[in-house]
Amino acid sequence: MTQMMPGMAGEICDEQLFEAEKRMKRCETIIGAMAKEEHETPDLIAKQGGKKDDVRVAVRRRIDLAERAGVEVSDIDGFIFEFNGMKKMMLKNLKGVDIDAMGGHGDQPMETMASRKALDKQKRKSKVSRGGGRGFA
């Protein structure tokens, strides 16, 4: 199957693909078993530092989630580890991106803070008067 994808011939073997699909299904199962408030506030289960009481509650929630999902607590911990890694990566890659612009139209490019500042600077320059308006005479 991956042989049909451009640039992927021989890159991923069937066993790796099978393992990735298995991991994806496990993640889907975990996400499906999460309570509404865990979906809305992932830190409820991902909390790993800070106040001891918050960490205890998060550990208890992870144990409960593992039971609801029918997986081991170590699977939940791995899921959270991947989630935190992705979160870090996304925050790093979104540095300087105007988050409000992301909710815009899909046919328009995303606007970064740098591009917005450049556009504002360009607008200000065009408003500046360039002399008395009398030309060379």
Protein backbone atom coordinates (compact mmCIF):
# COMPACT_ATOMS: atom_id res chain seq x y z
CA MET A 1 0.00 0.00 0.00
CA THR A 2 2.74 2.46 0.91
CA GLN A 3 4.48 1.57 -2.36
CA MET A 4 1.67 3.43 -4.12
CA MET A 5 2.34 6.66 -2.21
CA PRO A 6 4.79 9.03 -3.93
CA GLY A 7 8.21 8.94 -2.27
CA MET A 8 7.25 6.14 0.15
CA ALA A 9 8.28 3.04 -1.80
CA GLY A 10 10.36 0.87 0.50
CA GLU A 11 10.32 3.41 3.34
CA ILE A 12 7.77 1.72 5.60
CA CYS A 13 7.35 -2.02 5.86
CA ASP A 14 3.98 -3.68 6.40
CA GLU A 15 4.87 -4.54 10.00
CA GLN A 16 5.52 -0.87 10.84
CA LEU A 17 2.26 0.10 9.19
CA PHE A 18 0.40 -2.58 11.15
CA GLU A 19 1.91 -1.32 14.45
CA ALA A 20 1.01 2.28 13.60
CA GLU A 21 -2.58 1.28 12.83
CA LYS A 22 -2.77 -0.65 16.11
CA ARG A 23 -1.49 2.37 18.04
CA MET A 24 -3.97 4.63 16.24
CA LYS A 25 -6.89 2.35 17.14
CA ARG A 26 -5.73 2.31 20.78
CA CYS A 27 -5.63 6.14 20.76
CA GLU A 28 -9.13 6.27 19.26
CA THR A 29 -10.36 3.90 21.98
CA ILE A 30 -8.80 6.04 24.72
CA ILE A 31 -10.20 9.27 23.29
CA GLY A 32 -13.64 7.67 22.94
CA ALA A 33 -13.58 6.60 26.60
CA MET A 34 -12.68 10.06 27.88
CA ALA A 35 -15.29 11.98 29.86
CA LYS A 36 -16.61 15.26 28.44
CA GLU A 37 -14.60 17.37 30.91
CA GLU A 38 -11.43 15.40 30.02
CA HIS A 39 -11.99 16.25 26.36
CA GLU A 40 -12.45 19.91 27.17
CA THR A 41 -9.55 20.09 29.68
CA PRO A 42 -6.90 17.47 28.88
CA ASP A 43 -4.79 18.60 31.85
CA LEU A 44 -7.27 16.77 34.07
CA ILE A 45 -5.56 13.54 33.04
CA ALA A 46 -2.25 14.90 31.72
CA LYS A 47 -1.24 16.78 34.87
CA GLN A 48 2.22 15.57 35.91
CA GLY A 49 3.61 18.35 38.08
CA GLY A 50 2.44 21.06 40.43
CA LYS A 51 0.12 20.65 43.39
CA LYS A 52 0.12 17.15 44.86
CA ASP A 53 -3.68 17.05 45.05
CA ASP A 54 -4.01 17.91 41.34
CA VAL A 55 -1.50 15.20 40.42
CA ARG A 56 -3.32 12.64 42.59
CA VAL A 57 -6.63 13.48 40.91
CA ALA A 58 -4.98 13.16 37.47
CA VAL A 59 -3.52 9.76 38.39
CA ARG A 60 -6.93 8.58 39.61
CA ARG A 61 -8.53 9.81 36.39
CA ARG A 62 -5.90 7.94 34.32
CA ILE A 63 -6.66 4.73 36.21
CA ASP A 64 -10.41 5.23 35.68
CA LEU A 65 -9.85 6.03 32.00
CA ALA A 66 -7.80 2.87 31.54
CA GLU A 67 -10.67 0.83 33.01
CA ARG A 68 -13.27 2.55 30.80
CA ALA A 69 -11.12 2.09 27.67
CA GLY A 70 -10.15 -1.48 28.52
CA VAL A 71 -6.42 -0.77 28.26
CA GLU A 72 -3.48 -0.76 30.66
CA VAL A 73 -2.57 2.37 32.63
CA SER A 74 0.80 2.26 30.84
CA ASP A 75 -1.11 2.72 27.54
CA ILE A 76 -2.76 5.83 28.98
CA ASP A 77 0.63 7.12 30.15
CA GLY A 78 2.09 6.54 26.67
CA PHE A 79 -0.89 8.31 25.11
CA ILE A 80 -0.37 11.29 27.43
CA PHE A 81 3.38 11.32 26.68
CA GLU A 82 2.63 11.49 22.94
CA PHE A 83 -0.05 14.13 23.53
CA ASN A 84 2.34 16.34 25.52
CA GLY A 85 5.03 15.92 22.86
CA MET A 86 2.61 16.92 20.11
CA LYS A 87 1.39 19.86 22.18
CA LYS A 88 4.98 21.11 22.62
CA MET A 89 5.70 20.71 18.94
CA MET A 90 2.52 22.51 17.91
CA LEU A 91 3.19 25.41 20.27
CA LYS A 92 6.74 25.68 18.94
CA ASN A 93 5.56 25.62 15.32
CA LEU A 94 2.73 28.07 15.94
CA LYS A 95 5.01 30.67 17.51
CA GLY A 96 4.21 33.99 15.83
CA VAL A 97 1.01 32.72 14.18
CA ASP A 98 -2.13 34.75 14.62
CA ILE A 99 -4.42 32.15 16.21
CA ASP A 100 -7.52 34.23 15.39
CA ALA A 101 -6.64 34.00 11.70
CA MET A 102 -6.77 30.19 11.90
CA GLY A 103 -10.53 30.37 12.32
CA GLY A 104 -10.81 32.31 9.07
CA HIS A 105 -11.61 31.11 5.61
CA GLY A 106 -9.95 27.98 4.28
CA ASP A 107 -9.18 29.60 0.92
CA GLN A 108 -7.05 32.35 2.47
CA PRO A 109 -3.50 31.90 3.77
CA MET A 110 -2.92 31.98 7.50
CA GLU A 111 -1.69 35.35 8.69
CA THR A 112 1.31 35.48 11.00
CA MET A 113 1.97 38.31 13.41
CA ALA A 114 5.03 39.27 11.34
CA SER A 115 3.00 39.52 8.12
CA ARG A 116 0.35 41.58 9.91
CA LYS A 117 2.99 43.99 11.27
CA ALA A 118 4.53 44.34 7.81
CA LEU A 119 1.12 45.09 6.30
CA ASP A 120 0.37 47.68 9.02
CA LYS A 121 3.77 49.32 8.40
CA GLN A 122 3.07 49.42 4.66
CA LYS A 123 -0.32 51.06 5.25
CA ARG A 124 1.22 53.68 7.53
CA LYS A 125 3.88 54.50 4.92
CA SER A 126 1.28 55.03 2.20
CA LYS A 127 -0.59 57.55 4.39
CA VAL A 128 2.50 59.71 4.94
CA SER A 129 2.52 62.86 2.83
CA ARG A 130 5.37 63.11 0.33
CA GLY A 131 5.83 66.87 0.10
CA GLY A 132 3.70 69.87 -0.62
CA GLY A 133 1.82 68.29 -3.50
CA ARG A 134 3.04 70.92 -5.99
CA GLY A 135 5.35 68.66 -8.01
CA PHE A 136 8.62 70.07 -9.44
CA ALA A 137 7.29 73.48 -10.39
